[in-house]
């Protein structure tokens, strides 16, 4: 008997949809971050929270939810809440040092200090709350020292007859004036006295009562 060589027809190939596989309806927001962007996104979210509710409302888990990442992601970048606040303070001092570097004189340095506080209120609040920070953090201490040097340089540029013989005490006076005014301004305690005037111009007038650049 001759064995049949007939073979059954092959099954038709399974059709594959053209293009990449369909993604889930809920996109994975983590894919939108490039290397390094996540740290910036967490810092930005933290600053928003601090501006609206203060540092006490800060939670790494909540920040992870806001950024659309796993709850462990903020800890990977900052270790803990104190680390995050310390990073915010360090960034604040770096920004402050940069703006003080561009000051024309001591009066302008004070105006720039007030402007910094107005433009970066969350940084400003955290920078001067030492119990929230890791005080021996190298990034923080370096940035803080740099900002202090910029202020002292502005004070030293004022002739002794305009600031007194003790430059160090003059620096304390200048800082106290700028910081006190900024703090009162941000806490709305100067709403009445300042009114609709430009706060920077008001501060400029105040400095003229204490320091002379010539």
Foldseek 3Di string as FASTA:
>chain_A
DDDDPDDDDDDDDDDDDPDDDDDDPDDQLVVVDDVPVVLVQLLVLQLVCCVVPRLVPDDLQVSCVVSRHDSCVVCVVQVGSQSSLLVLLLVLLQVLLVQLQPAPALLSNLLSLLVSCVVRVSNLVSNPPPVSHDVPDPSNVVSNVSNLVSLLVRLVLAPCVFQPDDSVVSSVVSCCLSSVLSVCVVVVVCCVVCPPHDSSVVSSVVVVVRGDRD
